[in-house]
Protein backbone atom coordinates (compact mmCIF):
# COMPACT_ATOMS: atom_id res chain seq x y z
CA MET A 1 10.45 -6.02 -14.99
CA TYR A 2 11.13 -4.31 -11.71
CA GLN A 3 13.84 -5.86 -9.55
CA GLU A 4 13.09 -4.03 -6.31
CA ASN A 5 9.94 -2.97 -4.53
CA VAL A 6 8.21 0.06 -6.00
CA VAL A 7 6.87 2.55 -3.46
CA LEU A 8 3.31 3.68 -4.13
CA CYS A 9 3.05 6.14 -1.25
CA GLY A 10 4.08 6.72 2.32
CA ALA A 11 4.06 9.00 5.31
CA ASN A 12 6.73 9.99 7.81
CA ALA A 13 5.67 10.96 11.35
CA TYR A 14 9.10 12.44 12.13
CA GLU A 15 9.11 14.92 9.26
CA ARG A 16 5.30 15.15 9.08
CA LYS A 17 5.41 14.56 5.33
CA TYR A 18 3.45 12.50 2.81
CA TYR A 19 4.97 11.04 -0.38
CA PHE A 20 3.13 9.87 -3.49
CA ASN A 21 5.02 8.26 -6.38
CA GLN A 22 4.27 10.33 -9.50
CA ASP A 23 4.51 7.16 -11.64
CA PHE A 24 0.99 6.50 -10.35
CA GLN A 25 -0.36 9.94 -11.28
CA ALA A 26 -2.96 8.33 -13.57
CA LEU A 27 -4.85 6.89 -10.60
CA PRO A 28 -8.19 8.60 -9.94
CA GLU A 29 -8.00 11.57 -7.56
CA ALA A 30 -10.35 9.87 -5.06
CA ILE A 31 -7.96 6.90 -4.81
CA LYS A 32 -4.97 9.18 -4.33
CA GLN A 33 -6.80 11.04 -1.55
CA GLU A 34 -7.82 7.79 0.14
CA LEU A 35 -4.20 6.60 0.08
CA GLN A 36 -3.02 9.89 1.58
CA ILE A 37 -5.58 9.70 4.36
CA LEU A 38 -4.68 6.06 5.07
CA CYS A 39 -0.94 6.77 5.32
CA VAL A 40 -1.17 9.99 7.31
CA LEU A 41 -3.68 8.62 9.80
CA TYR A 42 -1.50 5.54 10.30
CA THR A 43 1.56 7.62 11.18
CA GLU A 44 -0.48 9.96 13.41
CA GLU A 45 -1.87 6.99 15.33
CA ILE A 46 1.15 4.64 15.37
CA GLY A 47 4.16 6.83 14.59
CA GLY A 48 7.25 6.00 12.57
CA ILE A 49 7.46 5.72 8.80
CA PHE A 50 4.79 3.88 6.81
CA THR A 51 4.95 2.97 3.12
CA LEU A 52 2.86 0.97 0.68
CA GLU A 53 5.11 -0.86 -1.79
CA PHE A 54 4.60 -3.29 -4.64
CA ASP A 55 6.89 -6.34 -4.61
CA GLU A 56 8.22 -7.96 -7.79
CA GLU A 57 5.01 -10.04 -8.21
CA GLY A 58 2.78 -6.98 -7.85
CA THR A 59 1.59 -7.68 -4.31
CA LEU A 60 1.07 -4.60 -2.17
CA GLN A 61 3.21 -4.69 0.96
CA PHE A 62 2.77 -2.60 4.10
CA LYS A 63 6.18 -1.48 5.39
CA THR A 64 6.83 0.22 8.71
CA GLU A 65 9.92 1.36 10.50
CA ALA A 66 10.79 3.50 13.47
CA LEU A 67 13.87 5.12 14.89
CA ASP A 68 15.50 3.14 17.69
CA ALA A 69 15.11 6.14 19.98
CA ASP A 70 11.36 6.44 19.27
CA ALA A 71 9.72 5.36 22.53
CA MET A 72 6.31 6.49 21.24
CA TYR A 73 6.21 4.03 18.30
CA ASP A 74 3.53 1.40 18.93
CA GLU A 75 4.85 -1.86 17.45
CA ILE A 76 1.92 -4.00 18.64
CA GLY A 77 -0.59 -1.37 17.55
CA SER A 78 1.16 -1.29 14.18
CA ALA A 79 0.56 -4.98 13.50
CA LEU A 80 -3.07 -4.71 14.62
CA ARG A 81 -3.69 -1.59 12.54
CA ILE A 82 -2.19 -3.16 9.41
CA LYS A 83 -4.37 -6.24 9.87
CA GLN A 84 -7.42 -3.98 10.21
CA LEU A 85 -6.46 -1.95 7.11
CA ARG A 86 -5.99 -5.12 5.04
CA ARG A 87 -9.48 -6.25 6.03
CA GLU A 88 -11.26 -2.89 5.64
CA LYS A 89 -9.49 -1.84 2.43
CA GLU A 90 -9.40 -5.26 0.75
CA ASP A 91 -11.20 -4.13 -2.43
CA LEU A 92 -9.00 -1.04 -2.80
CA LEU A 93 -5.81 -3.05 -2.26
CA GLU A 94 -6.83 -5.75 -4.76
CA SER A 95 -7.70 -3.10 -7.34
CA LEU A 96 -4.33 -1.39 -6.87
CA GLU A 97 -2.52 -4.71 -7.26
CA LEU A 98 -4.42 -5.43 -10.49
CA TYR A 99 -3.64 -1.92 -11.77
CA TYR A 100 0.06 -2.39 -11.03
CA ARG A 101 0.27 -5.85 -12.61
CA VAL A 102 -1.49 -4.68 -15.78
CA PHE A 103 0.08 -1.25 -16.31
CA PHE A 104 3.53 -1.76 -14.80
CA LEU A 105 4.25 -5.48 -15.20
CA GLY A 106 2.37 -5.84 -18.50
CA GLU A 107 0.15 -8.73 -17.46
CA ASP A 108 -3.08 -9.47 -19.32
CA PRO A 109 -6.07 -8.10 -17.36
CA GLY A 110 -8.33 -10.85 -18.72
CA GLU A 111 -6.12 -13.52 -17.18
CA GLU A 112 -6.05 -11.66 -13.87
CA LEU A 113 -9.82 -11.32 -13.75
CA GLN A 114 -10.23 -15.00 -14.68
CA LYS A 115 -7.87 -16.02 -11.83
CA LYS A 116 -9.85 -13.91 -9.37
CA ALA A 117 -13.17 -15.40 -10.53
CA GLU A 118 -11.79 -18.92 -10.11
CA GLU A 119 -10.53 -18.10 -6.61
CA GLU A 120 -13.94 -16.77 -5.60
CA GLN A 121 -15.68 -19.93 -6.85
CA ALA A 122 -13.35 -22.23 -4.90
């Protein structure tokens, strides 16, 4: 099991770079492109450094940080944008979490799908 968060991808507005963890190379190309667009647009709009990371339970976390001297970083806009992304990309994020829990944490996909079906019925 992983002890620390595992970075899926991220973008850095200061260096104007995008990072994708090659451990996830098996993801479909369309998903990888969507993640790149999401990260790069976030940093272009908000600034700072933005990463998507899986925690030890397999939940996808949105992480942001900015240099103390960065007067252009929009902290309020950051929280609002993350909330919007969680809502608009809910299916993608849930699928990525399931992928991570099955292929990286070794959980049974049948159990995961059963849990999700029970949650939707409640």
